[in-house]
Amino acid sequence: MKKIFAVLMVVFFVVFQLSAQEPSFVKGSKVLNLGVGLGAFHPGSYYKTTVPPVSASVDIGIVDGILEKAAVGVGPYIGYSASKWEFSGYGWKYNDIIIGARGTFHYPFVDKLDTYAGVLLGYNITSSTEIGTVVGTPDGGHFVHSEFIGARWYFTDSFAAFAELGYGISWFTGGIALKF
């Protein structure tokens, strides 16, 4: 997965290096992402998503002027998804909440397009409810990390659509972004 991510990053930066533009994300920028994800949090047989992955994150510009036009951002992340695993009348209903922090590196390649890559560090809180008669409940949590790439296309100075590829609460997330 890390090799694929590295190759995607190189292709991403080489392809879009053709015409670097003025940055839309700079020190002091504050952007709220509200998204819906694709890609099951619990993949596999007998799993069914009951609430699609939803997430919210804030990206706050803390440093700019790197490599002339690049900027660094940090901010909180929260994601939620619900699913169930059921076979022959028994199983579990799961609720997953990821709470974490993200760091992003932004570099403008095209006007009105905020392109970035980043990392997420957080904790996944998992709770479950038994279906039928099952011994044990797989509640708990664990630390999570993810690398991701993304882009925001600005329709106005403060409203954008965004898409991210990487693993937070889902493999692909798309939605709206509001710049304050």
C-alpha atoms as a PDB file:
ATOM      1  CA  MET A   1       0.000   0.000   0.000  1.00  0.00           C
ATOM      2  CA  LYS A   2       2.833   2.415   0.826  1.00  0.00           C
ATOM      3  CA  LYS A   3       4.499   1.768  -2.546  1.00  0.00           C
ATOM      4  CA  ILE A   4       1.230   2.437  -4.381  1.00  0.00           C
ATOM      5  CA  PHE A   5       0.767   5.640  -2.370  1.00  0.00           C
ATOM      6  CA  ALA A   6       4.308   6.781  -3.200  1.00  0.00           C
ATOM      7  CA  VAL A   7       3.800   6.128  -6.917  1.00  0.00           C
ATOM      8  CA  LEU A   8       0.461   7.987  -6.882  1.00  0.00           C
ATOM      9  CA  MET A   9       2.102  10.957  -5.149  1.00  0.00           C
ATOM     10  CA  VAL A  10       4.893  11.166  -7.746  1.00  0.00           C
ATOM     11  CA  VAL A  11       2.418  10.936 -10.647  1.00  0.00           C
ATOM     12  CA  PHE A  12       0.114  13.467  -8.942  1.00  0.00           C
ATOM     13  CA  PHE A  13       2.902  16.040  -8.540  1.00  0.00           C
ATOM     14  CA  VAL A  14       4.506  15.447 -11.968  1.00  0.00           C
ATOM     15  CA  VAL A  15       1.234  15.654 -13.923  1.00  0.00           C
ATOM     16  CA  PHE A  16       0.036  18.816 -12.241  1.00  0.00           C
ATOM     17  CA  GLN A  17       3.441  20.565 -12.184  1.00  0.00           C
ATOM     18  CA  LEU A  18       2.713  21.883 -15.683  1.00  0.00           C
ATOM     19  CA  SER A  19       1.271  25.199 -14.509  1.00  0.00           C
ATOM     20  CA  ALA A  20       1.710  26.170 -10.859  1.00  0.00           C
ATOM     21  CA  GLN A  21      -0.690  28.937  -9.826  1.00  0.00           C
ATOM     22  CA  GLU A  22      -1.317  31.198  -6.874  1.00  0.00           C
ATOM     23  CA  PRO A  23      -2.106  29.286  -3.683  1.00  0.00           C
ATOM     24  CA  SER A  24      -5.678  29.038  -2.428  1.00  0.00           C
ATOM     25  CA  PHE A  25      -4.465  27.678   0.932  1.00  0.00           C
ATOM     26  CA  VAL A  26      -2.052  29.847   2.943  1.00  0.00           C
ATOM     27  CA  LYS A  27      -1.080  30.524   6.549  1.00  0.00           C
ATOM     28  CA  GLY A  28      -4.237  31.513   8.421  1.00  0.00           C
ATOM     29  CA  SER A  29      -6.630  29.687   6.059  1.00  0.00           C
ATOM     30  CA  LYS A  30      -9.391  27.752   7.825  1.00  0.00           C
ATOM     31  CA  VAL A  31     -11.285  25.144   5.797  1.00  0.00           C
ATOM     32  CA  LEU A  32     -14.055  22.808   6.980  1.00  0.00           C
ATOM     33  CA  ASN A  33     -14.516  19.571   4.982  1.00  0.00           C
ATOM     34  CA  LEU A  34     -17.854  17.721   5.257  1.00  0.00           C
ATOM     35  CA  GLY A  35     -17.809  14.420   3.394  1.00  0.00           C
ATOM     36  CA  VAL A  36     -19.426  11.102   2.633  1.00  0.00           C
ATOM     37  CA  GLY A  37     -17.261   8.094   1.944  1.00  0.00           C
ATOM     38  CA  LEU A  38     -17.243   5.121  -0.361  1.00  0.00           C
ATOM     39  CA  GLY A  39     -15.593   1.866   0.606  1.00  0.00           C
ATOM     40  CA  ALA A  40     -16.683  -0.261   3.539  1.00  0.00           C
ATOM     41  CA  PHE A  41     -15.002   0.211   6.893  1.00  0.00           C
ATOM     42  CA  HIS A  42     -15.566  -3.507   7.590  1.00  0.00           C
ATOM     43  CA  PRO A  43     -15.048  -5.192   4.206  1.00  0.00           C
ATOM     44  CA  GLY A  44     -15.806  -8.836   3.611  1.00  0.00           C
ATOM     45  CA  SER A  45     -18.548 -11.404   3.355  1.00  0.00           C
ATOM     46  CA  TYR A  46     -21.755 -10.945   5.353  1.00  0.00           C
ATOM     47  CA  TYR A  47     -21.010  -7.270   6.167  1.00  0.00           C
ATOM     48  CA  LYS A  48     -23.612  -4.655   5.332  1.00  0.00           C
ATOM     49  CA  THR A  49     -23.211  -0.894   5.755  1.00  0.00           C
ATOM     50  CA  THR A  50     -26.125   0.540   7.751  1.00  0.00           C
ATOM     51  CA  VAL A  51     -24.873   4.157   7.945  1.00  0.00           C
ATOM     52  CA  PRO A  52     -22.492   5.280   5.188  1.00  0.00           C
ATOM     53  CA  PRO A  53     -19.137   6.679   6.282  1.00  0.00           C
ATOM     54  CA  VAL A  54     -19.424  10.399   7.088  1.00  0.00           C
ATOM     55  CA  SER A  55     -16.617  12.685   8.193  1.00  0.00           C
ATOM     56  CA  ALA A  56     -15.713  16.229   9.127  1.00  0.00           C
ATOM     57  CA  SER A  57     -12.270  17.782   9.282  1.00  0.00           C
ATOM     58  CA  VAL A  58     -10.809  21.233   9.719  1.00  0.00           C
ATOM     59  CA  ASP A  59      -7.613  22.314   7.969  1.00  0.00           C
ATOM     60  CA  ILE A  60      -5.840  25.350   9.458  1.00  0.00           C
ATOM     61  CA  GLY A  61      -2.882  26.863   7.611  1.00  0.00           C
ATOM     62  CA  ILE A  62       0.085  27.243   9.979  1.00  0.00           C
ATOM     63  CA  VAL A  63       3.032  27.832   7.605  1.00  0.00           C
ATOM     64  CA  ASP A  64       3.271  29.069   4.023  1.00  0.00           C
ATOM     65  CA  GLY A  65       5.987  30.119   1.588  1.00  0.00           C
ATOM     66  CA  ILE A  66       7.528  26.639   1.465  1.00  0.00           C
ATOM     67  CA  LEU A  67       8.876  25.885  -2.027  1.00  0.00           C
ATOM     68  CA  GLU A  68       7.605  29.373  -2.967  1.00  0.00           C
ATOM     69  CA  LYS A  69       3.863  28.532  -2.966  1.00  0.00           C
ATOM     70  CA  ALA A  70       3.354  25.544  -0.648  1.00  0.00           C
ATOM     71  CA  ALA A  71       1.679  25.590   2.765  1.00  0.00           C
ATOM     72  CA  VAL A  72       1.272  23.276   5.742  1.00  0.00           C
ATOM     73  CA  GLY A  73      -1.987  22.775   7.609  1.00  0.00           C
ATOM     74  CA  VAL A  74      -3.138  20.896  10.709  1.00  0.00           C
ATOM     75  CA  GLY A  75      -6.501  20.192  12.249  1.00  0.00           C
ATOM     76  CA  PRO A  76      -8.954  17.766  13.841  1.00  0.00           C
ATOM     77  CA  TYR A  77     -10.795  14.897  12.154  1.00  0.00           C
ATOM     78  CA  ILE A  78     -13.898  12.913  13.110  1.00  0.00           C
ATOM     79  CA  GLY A  79     -15.545  10.124  11.158  1.00  0.00           C
ATOM     80  CA  TYR A  80     -18.497   7.790  11.784  1.00  0.00           C
ATOM     81  CA  SER A  81     -19.779   4.630  10.149  1.00  0.00           C
ATOM     82  CA  ALA A  82     -22.153   1.824  11.129  1.00  0.00           C
ATOM     83  CA  SER A  83     -22.393  -1.696   9.757  1.00  0.00           C
ATOM     84  CA  LYS A  84     -23.499  -5.164  10.689  1.00  0.00           C
ATOM     85  CA  TRP A  85     -22.167  -8.664  10.222  1.00  0.00           C
ATOM     86  CA  GLU A  86     -24.808 -11.350  10.252  1.00  0.00           C
ATOM     87  CA  PHE A  87     -24.831 -15.040   9.377  1.00  0.00           C
ATOM     88  CA  SER A  88     -27.670 -17.492  10.061  1.00  0.00           C
ATOM     89  CA  GLY A  89     -29.401 -15.208  12.563  1.00  0.00           C
ATOM     90  CA  TYR A  90     -26.424 -14.232  14.688  1.00  0.00           C
ATOM     91  CA  GLY A  91     -23.723 -11.598  14.446  1.00  0.00           C
ATOM     92  CA  TRP A  92     -22.954  -8.010  15.481  1.00  0.00           C
ATOM     93  CA  LYS A  93     -23.943  -4.432  14.718  1.00  0.00           C
ATOM     94  CA  TYR A  94     -20.907  -2.145  14.733  1.00  0.00           C
ATOM     95  CA  ASN A  95     -20.487   1.591  15.308  1.00  0.00           C
ATOM     96  CA  ASP A  96     -17.071   3.024  14.451  1.00  0.00           C
ATOM     97  CA  ILE A  97     -15.930   6.527  15.390  1.00  0.00           C
ATOM     98  CA  ILE A  98     -12.492   7.804  14.434  1.00  0.00           C
ATOM     99  CA  ILE A  99     -11.199  10.840  16.278  1.00  0.00           C
ATOM    100  CA  GLY A 100      -7.836  12.187  15.253  1.00  0.00           C
ATOM    101  CA  ALA A 101      -5.576  14.916  13.944  1.00  0.00           C
ATOM    102  CA  ARG A 102      -4.409  15.517  10.396  1.00  0.00           C
ATOM    103  CA  GLY A 103      -1.416  17.228   8.905  1.00  0.00           C
ATOM    104  CA  THR A 104      -1.506  18.423   5.286  1.00  0.00           C
ATOM    105  CA  PHE A 105       0.975  19.708   2.714  1.00  0.00           C
ATOM    106  CA  HIS A 106      -0.629  21.939   0.050  1.00  0.00           C
ATOM    107  CA  TYR A 107       0.898  22.879  -3.288  1.00  0.00           C
ATOM    108  CA  PRO A 108      -1.050  24.745  -6.009  1.00  0.00           C
ATOM    109  CA  PHE A 109      -0.786  23.232  -9.476  1.00  0.00           C
ATOM    110  CA  VAL A 110      -3.865  24.730 -11.120  1.00  0.00           C
ATOM    111  CA  ASP A 111      -5.796  27.938 -10.401  1.00  0.00           C
ATOM    112  CA  LYS A 112      -8.814  27.357  -8.085  1.00  0.00           C
ATOM    113  CA  LEU A 113      -7.589  23.820  -7.302  1.00  0.00           C
ATOM    114  CA  ASP A 114      -6.121  23.227  -3.831  1.00  0.00           C
ATOM    115  CA  THR A 115      -4.102  20.002  -4.075  1.00  0.00           C
ATOM    116  CA  TYR A 116      -2.675  18.379  -0.966  1.00  0.00           C
ATOM    117  CA  ALA A 117      -1.277  15.257   0.647  1.00  0.00           C
ATOM    118  CA  GLY A 118      -1.297  14.391   4.308  1.00  0.00           C
ATOM    119  CA  VAL A 119      -1.361  12.021   7.238  1.00  0.00           C
ATOM    120  CA  LEU A 120      -4.028  11.174   9.806  1.00  0.00           C
ATOM    121  CA  LEU A 121      -3.237   9.942  13.315  1.00  0.00           C
ATOM    122  CA  GLY A 122      -6.139   8.972  15.524  1.00  0.00           C
ATOM    123  CA  TYR A 123      -8.077   6.454  17.532  1.00  0.00           C
ATOM    124  CA  ASN A 124     -10.914   4.216  16.335  1.00  0.00           C
ATOM    125  CA  ILE A 125     -13.612   3.658  18.966  1.00  0.00           C
ATOM    126  CA  THR A 126     -15.620   0.539  18.116  1.00  0.00           C
ATOM    127  CA  SER A 127     -18.803  -0.471  19.866  1.00  0.00           C
ATOM    128  CA  SER A 128     -21.019  -3.412  18.994  1.00  0.00           C
ATOM    129  CA  THR A 129     -24.355  -4.987  19.768  1.00  0.00           C
ATOM    130  CA  GLU A 130     -25.036  -8.712  19.550  1.00  0.00           C
ATOM    131  CA  ILE A 131     -27.544 -10.153  17.093  1.00  0.00           C
ATOM    132  CA  GLY A 132     -28.933 -13.468  18.283  1.00  0.00           C
ATOM    133  CA  THR A 133     -26.952 -15.586  20.726  1.00  0.00           C
ATOM    134  CA  VAL A 134     -23.262 -14.817  20.364  1.00  0.00           C
ATOM    135  CA  VAL A 135     -20.543 -15.405  22.909  1.00  0.00           C
ATOM    136  CA  GLY A 136     -18.473 -12.278  23.481  1.00  0.00           C
ATOM    137  CA  THR A 137     -18.738  -8.771  22.139  1.00  0.00           C
ATOM    138  CA  PRO A 138     -15.913  -7.376  19.996  1.00  0.00           C
ATOM    139  CA  ASP A 139     -15.935  -3.874  21.542  1.00  0.00           C
ATOM    140  CA  GLY A 140     -12.767  -1.901  21.825  1.00  0.00           C
ATOM    141  CA  GLY A 141     -10.604   0.402  19.864  1.00  0.00           C
ATOM    142  CA  HIS A 142      -7.204   0.881  18.356  1.00  0.00           C
ATOM    143  CA  PHE A 143      -4.900   3.545  17.038  1.00  0.00           C
ATOM    144  CA  VAL A 144      -5.191   4.352  13.345  1.00  0.00           C
ATOM    145  CA  HIS A 145      -2.976   6.121  10.823  1.00  0.00           C
ATOM    146  CA  SER A 146      -3.449   6.942   7.185  1.00  0.00           C
ATOM    147  CA  GLU A 147      -1.785   8.663   4.293  1.00  0.00           C
ATOM    148  CA  PHE A 148      -4.029  10.471   1.823  1.00  0.00           C
ATOM    149  CA  ILE A 149      -4.084  12.760  -1.186  1.00  0.00           C
ATOM    150  CA  GLY A 150      -6.835  15.205  -1.972  1.00  0.00           C
ATOM    151  CA  ALA A 151      -8.019  18.219  -3.882  1.00  0.00           C
ATOM    152  CA  ARG A 152     -10.531  21.025  -3.429  1.00  0.00           C
ATOM    153  CA  TRP A 153     -12.035  22.788  -6.439  1.00  0.00           C
ATOM    154  CA  TYR A 154     -13.164  26.306  -5.469  1.00  0.00           C
ATOM    155  CA  PHE A 155     -16.374  27.540  -7.114  1.00  0.00           C
ATOM    156  CA  THR A 156     -16.161  30.773  -5.087  1.00  0.00           C
ATOM    157  CA  ASP A 157     -13.547  32.134  -2.671  1.00  0.00           C
ATOM    158  CA  SER A 158     -15.209  30.268   0.207  1.00  0.00           C
ATOM    159  CA  PHE A 159     -17.040  27.252  -1.303  1.00  0.00           C
ATOM    160  CA  ALA A 160     -15.456  24.156  -2.850  1.00  0.00           C
ATOM    161  CA  ALA A 161     -16.051  20.510  -3.650  1.00  0.00           C
ATOM    162  CA  PHE A 162     -13.399  18.121  -2.368  1.00  0.00           C
ATOM    163  CA  ALA A 163     -12.259  14.550  -2.918  1.00  0.00           C
ATOM    164  CA  GLU A 164      -9.726  12.500  -0.968  1.00  0.00           C
ATOM    165  CA  LEU A 165      -8.160   9.123  -1.571  1.00  0.00           C
ATOM    166  CA  GLY A 166      -6.697   7.382   1.474  1.00  0.00           C
ATOM    167  CA  TYR A 167      -8.087   5.696   4.531  1.00  0.00           C
ATOM    168  CA  GLY A 168      -9.867   7.596   7.292  1.00  0.00           C
ATOM    169  CA  ILE A 169     -13.369   6.270   7.816  1.00  0.00           C
ATOM    170  CA  SER A 170     -13.414   5.119   4.152  1.00  0.00           C
ATOM    171  CA  TRP A 171     -11.075   4.688   1.159  1.00  0.00           C
ATOM    172  CA  PHE A 172     -12.602   7.526  -0.852  1.00  0.00           C
ATOM    173  CA  THR A 173     -14.348  10.623   0.544  1.00  0.00           C
ATOM    174  CA  GLY A 174     -16.083  13.395  -1.360  1.00  0.00           C
ATOM    175  CA  GLY A 175     -18.078  16.380  -0.249  1.00  0.00           C
ATOM    176  CA  ILE A 176     -18.074  20.122   0.272  1.00  0.00           C
ATOM    177  CA  ALA A 177     -15.482  22.436   1.777  1.00  0.00           C
ATOM    178  CA  LEU A 178     -16.174  25.811   3.378  1.00  0.00           C
ATOM    179  CA  LYS A 179     -13.346  28.317   3.762  1.00  0.00           C
ATOM    180  CA  PHE A 180     -13.609  30.821   6.634  1.00  0.00           C
END
